[in-house]
Structures are given as C-alpha cells and as structure tokens.
Amino acid sequence: GHGGYYGAQQIQGLVAHYYDFVRPGTAIELNRCIHNTMADSPRDKSGHCRNGAKDCEDCRTRNIDDIYSAHFTICQKPWICPH
C-alpha cells in the first residue's frame, strides 16, 4: 500500500495508487522544471543534486514561457517569489 509520506491521503496518494494498482507500468517521469515546478535549488548545501543525479538542471533559470504549471509550496504567493 501507500502511506507514510506527506500527501499520501490527498492527491499525491491517489495518483500513486492509480499508477501502481489501476494502470501499472504506464507512469512516466516529467521534467520537474516545467511540470509543477517549485523554482527551488536542485542542489543541497554540500552542492550535490537532490535527486541523486550527477548533473541537475537549476529550475530557477528556466524561461517562464517553457513552464506548464507551478507549485507555490516554497514561494508561497507568486507575487512574493524571488524567482
């Protein structure tokens, strides 16, 4: 089952359940800089990519015309977001 993480009983858990149990093997990973971007730093304080990859894109430099959707968890309100 799913659980034990923030959002497990909300839409995140519903989507995880759908692609794991209803339509297994059909999920694809989207580019986080253009789909549901949070305009956050891709690196941790030691300079390593947060996703474990060797190289990672800095979403804060992405042209806004390329972005499909944004998630304001980090910036809170779009009019106060520094990115």
Protein backbone atom coordinates (compact mmCIF):
# COMPACT_ATOMS: atom_id res chain seq x y z
CA GLY A 1 0.00 0.00 0.00
CA HIS A 2 0.83 3.66 0.06
CA GLY A 3 1.35 5.88 3.04
CA GLY A 4 3.88 7.28 5.40
CA TYR A 5 4.57 10.43 3.42
CA TYR A 6 3.07 13.91 3.22
CA GLY A 7 0.11 13.87 0.87
CA ALA A 8 -0.48 10.11 1.00
CA GLN A 9 -4.14 10.69 1.83
CA GLN A 10 -4.51 13.52 -0.69
CA ILE A 11 -3.98 13.80 -4.46
CA GLN A 12 -0.36 12.58 -4.28
CA GLY A 13 -1.52 9.29 -2.77
CA LEU A 14 -4.40 8.99 -5.21
CA VAL A 15 -2.08 9.41 -8.20
CA ALA A 16 0.46 6.96 -6.73
CA HIS A 17 -2.29 4.38 -6.15
CA TYR A 18 -3.69 4.86 -9.65
CA TYR A 19 -0.37 4.30 -11.43
CA ASP A 20 0.74 1.47 -9.12
CA PHE A 21 -2.51 -0.52 -8.97
CA VAL A 22 -5.04 0.62 -11.59
CA ARG A 23 -2.64 1.31 -14.51
CA PRO A 24 0.70 -0.30 -13.51
CA GLY A 25 3.66 0.25 -15.79
CA THR A 26 2.16 3.29 -17.54
CA ALA A 27 3.59 6.17 -15.45
CA ILE A 28 6.30 8.43 -16.84
CA GLU A 29 8.51 10.92 -15.03
CA LEU A 30 8.05 14.52 -16.19
CA ASN A 31 10.66 17.27 -16.12
CA ARG A 32 10.22 18.94 -12.71
CA CYS A 33 11.38 22.28 -14.12
CA ILE A 34 8.41 22.59 -16.48
CA HIS A 35 5.68 20.47 -14.84
CA ASN A 36 4.64 21.55 -11.33
CA THR A 37 7.88 23.50 -10.83
CA MET A 38 8.70 24.94 -7.41
CA ALA A 39 11.61 27.11 -8.64
CA ASP A 40 13.84 25.62 -5.97
CA SER A 41 17.56 24.90 -5.89
CA PRO A 42 18.36 21.48 -7.32
CA ARG A 43 21.37 21.10 -5.01
CA ASP A 44 21.71 20.58 -1.28
CA LYS A 45 24.05 22.62 0.96
CA SER A 46 27.01 20.41 0.03
CA GLY A 47 26.40 21.01 -3.70
CA HIS A 48 25.05 17.55 -4.58
CA CYS A 49 21.95 17.13 -6.73
CA ARG A 50 18.91 16.48 -4.54
CA ASN A 51 17.68 13.75 -6.90
CA GLY A 52 20.96 11.83 -6.70
CA ALA A 53 21.91 12.52 -10.32
CA LYS A 54 25.41 13.61 -11.34
CA ASP A 55 24.09 16.74 -13.05
CA CYS A 56 20.81 18.56 -12.40
CA GLU A 57 19.03 21.50 -14.00
CA ASP A 58 18.50 24.64 -11.94
CA CYS A 59 14.77 25.28 -12.42
CA ARG A 60 15.18 28.89 -11.32
CA THR A 61 16.86 29.67 -14.64
CA ARG A 62 14.12 28.12 -16.80
CA ASN A 63 12.33 30.55 -19.13
CA ILE A 64 8.81 31.13 -17.81
CA ASP A 65 7.37 30.56 -21.31
CA ASP A 66 8.56 26.91 -21.08
CA ILE A 67 6.69 26.19 -17.82
CA TYR A 68 3.32 24.39 -17.91
CA SER A 69 2.45 24.63 -14.20
CA ALA A 70 3.91 25.93 -10.94
CA HIS A 71 3.59 24.76 -7.34
CA PHE A 72 3.91 27.52 -4.75
CA THR A 73 4.88 25.46 -1.67
CA ILE A 74 8.28 27.14 -1.39
CA CYS A 75 7.46 30.64 -2.64
CA GLN A 76 4.00 30.76 -1.01
CA LYS A 77 2.47 33.53 -3.16
CA PRO A 78 3.59 34.17 -6.76
CA TRP A 79 3.84 37.92 -6.19
CA ILE A 80 6.45 37.47 -3.42
CA CYS A 81 8.51 34.72 -5.09
CA PRO A 82 12.06 35.95 -5.77
CA HIS A 83 12.49 33.58 -8.75
